[in-house]
Each structure stands twice: as C-alpha cells, then as structure tokens.
C-alpha atoms as a PDB file:
ATOM      1  CA  MET A   1     -26.233 -39.023  -4.860  1.00  0.00           C
ATOM      2  CA  GLU A   2     -27.088 -37.557  -1.521  1.00  0.00           C
ATOM      3  CA  TYR A   3     -24.811 -35.354   0.505  1.00  0.00           C
ATOM      4  CA  GLY A   4     -24.006 -35.755   4.204  1.00  0.00           C
ATOM      5  CA  ARG A   5     -25.400 -33.546   6.951  1.00  0.00           C
ATOM      6  CA  ASP A   6     -23.135 -30.577   6.305  1.00  0.00           C
ATOM      7  CA  GLY A   7     -23.291 -30.735   2.502  1.00  0.00           C
ATOM      8  CA  GLU A   8     -20.003 -32.606   2.040  1.00  0.00           C
ATOM      9  CA  LEU A   9     -19.404 -36.058   0.638  1.00  0.00           C
ATOM     10  CA  THR A  10     -18.469 -38.871   2.952  1.00  0.00           C
ATOM     11  CA  ASP A  11     -15.305 -40.876   2.267  1.00  0.00           C
ATOM     12  CA  ALA A  12     -17.254 -43.719   0.659  1.00  0.00           C
ATOM     13  CA  GLU A  13     -19.198 -41.323  -1.588  1.00  0.00           C
ATOM     14  CA  LEU A  14     -15.990 -39.522  -2.521  1.00  0.00           C
ATOM     15  CA  ALA A  15     -14.338 -42.801  -3.514  1.00  0.00           C
ATOM     16  CA  GLU A  16     -17.374 -43.718  -5.621  1.00  0.00           C
ATOM     17  CA  VAL A  17     -17.365 -40.359  -7.429  1.00  0.00           C
ATOM     18  CA  GLU A  18     -13.639 -40.604  -8.039  1.00  0.00           C
ATOM     19  CA  ALA A  19     -14.031 -44.114  -9.526  1.00  0.00           C
ATOM     20  CA  GLU A  20     -16.809 -42.880 -11.863  1.00  0.00           C
ATOM     21  CA  THR A  21     -14.700 -39.898 -12.932  1.00  0.00           C
ATOM     22  CA  ARG A  22     -11.680 -42.119 -13.651  1.00  0.00           C
ATOM     23  CA  ALA A  23     -13.902 -44.485 -15.674  1.00  0.00           C
ATOM     24  CA  LEU A  24     -15.208 -41.594 -17.777  1.00  0.00           C
ATOM     25  CA  LEU A  25     -11.724 -40.196 -18.346  1.00  0.00           C
ATOM     26  CA  ALA A  26     -10.370 -43.664 -19.239  1.00  0.00           C
ATOM     27  CA  ARG A  27     -13.010 -43.923 -21.960  1.00  0.00           C
ATOM     28  CA  TRP A  28     -11.543 -40.770 -23.558  1.00  0.00           C
ATOM     29  CA  GLY A  29      -7.960 -42.005 -23.302  1.00  0.00           C
ATOM     30  CA  GLU A  30      -6.894 -40.204 -20.184  1.00  0.00           C
ATOM     31  CA  PRO A  31      -3.122 -39.765 -20.003  1.00  0.00           C
ATOM     32  CA  LYS A  32      -1.545 -42.129 -17.571  1.00  0.00           C
ATOM     33  CA  MET A  33      -0.134 -40.719 -14.350  1.00  0.00           C
ATOM     34  CA  ALA A  34       3.606 -40.122 -14.586  1.00  0.00           C
ATOM     35  CA  ALA A  35       5.998 -39.615 -11.723  1.00  0.00           C
ATOM     36  CA  PRO A  36       7.300 -36.055 -11.419  1.00  0.00           C
ATOM     37  CA  PRO A  37      10.893 -35.409 -12.464  1.00  0.00           C
ATOM     38  CA  ALA A  38      13.472 -36.052  -9.781  1.00  0.00           C
ATOM     39  CA  ASP A  39      14.869 -32.504  -9.882  1.00  0.00           C
ATOM     40  CA  LEU A  40      11.512 -30.706  -9.944  1.00  0.00           C
ATOM     41  CA  SER A  41      12.021 -28.807  -6.684  1.00  0.00           C
ATOM     42  CA  ALA A  42      15.560 -27.753  -7.683  1.00  0.00           C
ATOM     43  CA  ARG A  43      14.274 -26.387 -11.007  1.00  0.00           C
ATOM     44  CA  VAL A  44      11.493 -24.472  -9.256  1.00  0.00           C
ATOM     45  CA  VAL A  45      13.927 -22.939  -6.773  1.00  0.00           C
ATOM     46  CA  ARG A  46      16.311 -21.940  -9.584  1.00  0.00           C
ATOM     47  CA  ARG A  47      13.498 -20.238 -11.484  1.00  0.00           C
ATOM     48  CA  LEU A  48      12.252 -18.462  -8.364  1.00  0.00           C
ATOM     49  CA  SER A  49      15.638 -16.944  -7.731  1.00  0.00           C
ATOM     50  CA  THR A  50      15.707 -15.338 -11.200  1.00  0.00           C
ATOM     51  CA  THR A  51      12.179 -13.953 -11.195  1.00  0.00           C
ATOM     52  CA  PRO A  52      11.633 -10.507  -9.690  1.00  0.00           C
ATOM     53  CA  ALA A  53      10.143 -10.505  -6.220  1.00  0.00           C
ATOM     54  CA  HIS A  54       7.583  -7.874  -7.097  1.00  0.00           C
ATOM     55  CA  ARG A  55       6.014  -8.127 -10.518  1.00  0.00           C
ATOM     56  CA  GLY A  56       4.618  -4.589 -10.393  1.00  0.00           C
ATOM     57  CA  TRP A  57       8.042  -2.959 -10.221  1.00  0.00           C
ATOM     58  CA  ARG A  58       7.334  -0.924 -13.351  1.00  0.00           C
ATOM     59  CA  TRP A  59       4.494   0.873 -11.572  1.00  0.00           C
ATOM     60  CA  ARG A  60       6.591   1.780  -8.517  1.00  0.00           C
ATOM     61  CA  PRO A  61       7.741   5.170  -9.912  1.00  0.00           C
ATOM     62  CA  LEU A  62       4.117   6.105 -10.523  1.00  0.00           C
ATOM     63  CA  TRP A  63       3.182   5.274  -6.921  1.00  0.00           C
ATOM     64  CA  LEU A  64       6.130   7.336  -5.711  1.00  0.00           C
ATOM     65  CA  ALA A  65       5.118  10.285  -7.890  1.00  0.00           C
ATOM     66  CA  ALA A  66       1.419  10.190  -6.915  1.00  0.00           C
ATOM     67  CA  PRO A  67       1.860  11.935  -3.528  1.00  0.00           C
ATOM     68  CA  LEU A  68       3.961  14.635  -5.201  1.00  0.00           C
ATOM     69  CA  VAL A  69       1.264  15.221  -7.828  1.00  0.00           C
ATOM     70  CA  LEU A  70      -1.409  15.422  -5.117  1.00  0.00           C
ATOM     71  CA  LEU A  71       0.736  17.890  -3.168  1.00  0.00           C
ATOM     72  CA  VAL A  72       1.193  20.111  -6.229  1.00  0.00           C
ATOM     73  CA  LEU A  73      -2.546  19.982  -6.992  1.00  0.00           C
ATOM     74  CA  GLY A  74      -3.336  20.830  -3.372  1.00  0.00           C
ATOM     75  CA  VAL A  75      -0.967  23.796  -3.266  1.00  0.00           C
ATOM     76  CA  TRP A  76      -2.378  25.006  -6.578  1.00  0.00           C
ATOM     77  CA  GLY A  77      -5.946  24.737  -5.278  1.00  0.00           C
ATOM     78  CA  LEU A  78      -5.200  26.282  -1.877  1.00  0.00           C
ATOM     79  CA  SER A  79      -2.888  29.085  -2.937  1.00  0.00           C
ATOM     80  CA  ILE A  80      -3.624  30.033  -6.527  1.00  0.00           C
ATOM     81  CA  ASP A  81      -6.990  28.940  -7.913  1.00  0.00           C
ATOM     82  CA  SER A  82      -9.698  26.835  -6.281  1.00  0.00           C
ATOM     83  CA  ASN A  83     -11.259  25.918  -9.635  1.00  0.00           C
ATOM     84  CA  GLY A  84      -7.936  24.828 -11.152  1.00  0.00           C
ATOM     85  CA  PRO A  85      -7.731  21.262  -9.818  1.00  0.00           C
ATOM     86  CA  ALA A  86     -11.477  20.824 -10.303  1.00  0.00           C
ATOM     87  CA  SER A  87     -11.168  21.787 -13.983  1.00  0.00           C
ATOM     88  CA  LEU A  88      -8.694  18.915 -14.482  1.00  0.00           C
ATOM     89  CA  PHE A  89     -11.487  16.487 -13.611  1.00  0.00           C
ATOM     90  CA  GLY A  90     -13.873  17.867 -16.199  1.00  0.00           C
ATOM     91  CA  ASP A  91     -15.625  20.888 -14.799  1.00  0.00           C
ATOM     92  CA  PRO A  92     -16.844  21.974 -11.347  1.00  0.00           C
ATOM     93  CA  ALA A  93     -20.317  21.080 -12.635  1.00  0.00           C
ATOM     94  CA  THR A  94     -19.413  17.382 -13.021  1.00  0.00           C
ATOM     95  CA  GLY A  95     -19.411  14.935 -10.126  1.00  0.00           C
ATOM     96  CA  ALA A  96     -15.627  14.479  -9.823  1.00  0.00           C
ATOM     97  CA  GLY A  97     -14.940  18.179 -10.346  1.00  0.00           C
ATOM     98  CA  ARG A  98     -17.511  19.111  -7.712  1.00  0.00           C
ATOM     99  CA  TYR A  99     -15.895  16.636  -5.284  1.00  0.00           C
ATOM    100  CA  VAL A 100     -12.387  18.058  -5.843  1.00  0.00           C
ATOM    101  CA  LEU A 101     -13.699  21.628  -5.546  1.00  0.00           C
ATOM    102  CA  GLY A 102     -15.499  20.736  -2.310  1.00  0.00           C
ATOM    103  CA  ILE A 103     -12.369  19.202  -0.806  1.00  0.00           C
ATOM    104  CA  THR A 104     -10.362  22.287  -1.820  1.00  0.00           C
ATOM    105  CA  LEU A 105     -12.903  24.710  -0.350  1.00  0.00           C
ATOM    106  CA  VAL A 106     -13.128  22.737   2.906  1.00  0.00           C
ATOM    107  CA  ALA A 107      -9.338  22.551   3.226  1.00  0.00           C
ATOM    108  CA  LYS A 108      -8.723  26.230   2.442  1.00  0.00           C
ATOM    109  CA  PRO A 109      -9.879  27.751   5.792  1.00  0.00           C
ATOM    110  CA  LEU A 110      -8.206  24.926   7.730  1.00  0.00           C
ATOM    111  CA  TRP A 111      -4.949  25.575   5.877  1.00  0.00           C
ATOM    112  CA  HIS A 112      -5.093  29.323   6.541  1.00  0.00           C
ATOM    113  CA  LEU A 113      -5.956  28.710  10.184  1.00  0.00           C
ATOM    114  CA  TRP A 114      -2.926  26.467  10.535  1.00  0.00           C
ATOM    115  CA  LEU A 115      -0.700  28.999   8.757  1.00  0.00           C
ATOM    116  CA  ALA A 116      -1.865  31.754  11.114  1.00  0.00           C
ATOM    117  CA  GLY A 117      -0.349  29.969  14.109  1.00  0.00           C
ATOM    118  CA  ALA A 118       2.304  27.917  12.357  1.00  0.00           C
ATOM    119  CA  GLY A 119       4.947  30.638  12.598  1.00  0.00           C
ATOM    120  CA  TRP A 120       4.931  30.600  16.383  1.00  0.00           C
ATOM    121  CA  TRP A 121       4.697  26.814  16.507  1.00  0.00           C
ATOM    122  CA  LEU A 122       7.613  26.427  14.123  1.00  0.00           C
ATOM    123  CA  LEU A 123       9.685  28.964  16.059  1.00  0.00           C
ATOM    124  CA  GLY A 124       8.914  27.156  19.324  1.00  0.00           C
ATOM    125  CA  LEU A 125       9.794  23.802  17.755  1.00  0.00           C
ATOM    126  CA  PHE A 126      13.080  25.221  16.478  1.00  0.00           C
ATOM    127  CA  VAL A 127      13.939  26.591  19.936  1.00  0.00           C
ATOM    128  CA  LEU A 128      12.992  23.300  21.595  1.00  0.00           C
ATOM    129  CA  VAL A 129      15.119  21.235  19.204  1.00  0.00           C
ATOM    130  CA  GLY A 130      18.012  23.663  19.564  1.00  0.00           C
ATOM    131  CA  ALA A 131      17.839  23.550  23.361  1.00  0.00           C
ATOM    132  CA  GLY A 132      17.734  19.756  23.297  1.00  0.00           C
ATOM    133  CA  TRP A 133      20.743  19.612  21.021  1.00  0.00           C
ATOM    134  CA  LEU A 134      22.682  22.065  23.236  1.00  0.00           C
ATOM    135  CA  TRP A 135      21.791  20.096  26.376  1.00  0.00           C
ATOM    136  CA  TRP A 136      22.906  16.853  24.728  1.00  0.00           C
ATOM    137  CA  ARG A 137      26.236  18.401  23.670  1.00  0.00           C
ATOM    138  CA  LEU A 138      26.822  19.662  27.235  1.00  0.00           C
ATOM    139  CA  ILE A 139      26.055  16.240  28.706  1.00  0.00           C
ATOM    140  CA  LEU A 140      28.346  14.473  26.225  1.00  0.00           C
ATOM    141  CA  ASP A 141      31.273  16.819  26.951  1.00  0.00           C
ATOM    142  CA  ALA A 142      30.969  16.638  30.754  1.00  0.00           C
ATOM    143  CA  PRO A 143      32.639  13.791  32.661  1.00  0.00           C
ATOM    144  CA  LEU A 144      30.211  11.319  34.206  1.00  0.00           C
ATOM    145  CA  ALA A 145      31.331  12.152  37.774  1.00  0.00           C
ATOM    146  CA  GLU A 146      30.345  15.814  37.316  1.00  0.00           C
ATOM    147  CA  VAL A 147      26.914  14.948  35.950  1.00  0.00           C
ATOM    148  CA  TRP A 148      25.865  12.879  38.999  1.00  0.00           C
ATOM    149  CA  GLN A 149      27.052  15.340  41.696  1.00  0.00           C
END
C-alpha cells in the first residue's frame, strides 16, 4: 500500500485498511460492538467527584519542607562549616560534594557583603514603613475637606 504525498492515508485507503482489519478480527471472533450504557456520563461524573483532584497529595508535605531543609543547609554552610553540607553528599572529593561546596564558597562572600550593609538597609526600610503607616493614619483621621485645602 502506498501512502499519499504527506505520508498519510487517503480516505479510500483508510477504508480499505479498516475493512481488512475487521476481517482479520472477525476470523478470531472479535467481540461485537455494544452500545455504551445509558448512564455512562453520570457514572463518570460521580466517580470524578470522589477522586482527589491531585493524586500526589501525599508528597505535598515533602515539597513544603524542601525549602526549609535547603535554608537550614545553607545557614549551616554559610555560618558554621563550609564542608558540612558537602559531606552530606558523600565527600568534597566527589562530584556532588564538590558542587555543593562550590556553591557554598561562592555564596559566602556575597552573604557577608549583604550582611555588611543590611543593617542600614533594614533600618531605612523600617523607618520608611513606619513613616508610611503614620502618614496613612493621619490621612484617615483628617476630614476630607482639610486634606484638599
């Protein structure tokens, strides 16, 4: 059988192949086509409403705990011991351990650089938020006629 230009069967060829397939299946006692049950869609909808929407719900606590574990490992590597998280992945001589140690050693100066200026940034952010809150309280307490004069 030869295919059309784009590699697909034409309608006539498809009908011929389907007739040959049905003839072969009939020789083996193919089950006869039966009409679907009348309440098939209602049964499917009933079963869908009882099945959980997300089948991986048992893994959800693990995905919620993963960022916390990474944070603890990062604080341990940045503050206490650089080799600590790398030793959990074998040894700093292995590929994964070397990768974790490299990430820790790259992040360490960036973390200390951020901490050197973070005090002033956090103080400025606190003052800015406090001033915004005070301004908002003053605007809310003032009558609208006084605000626009």
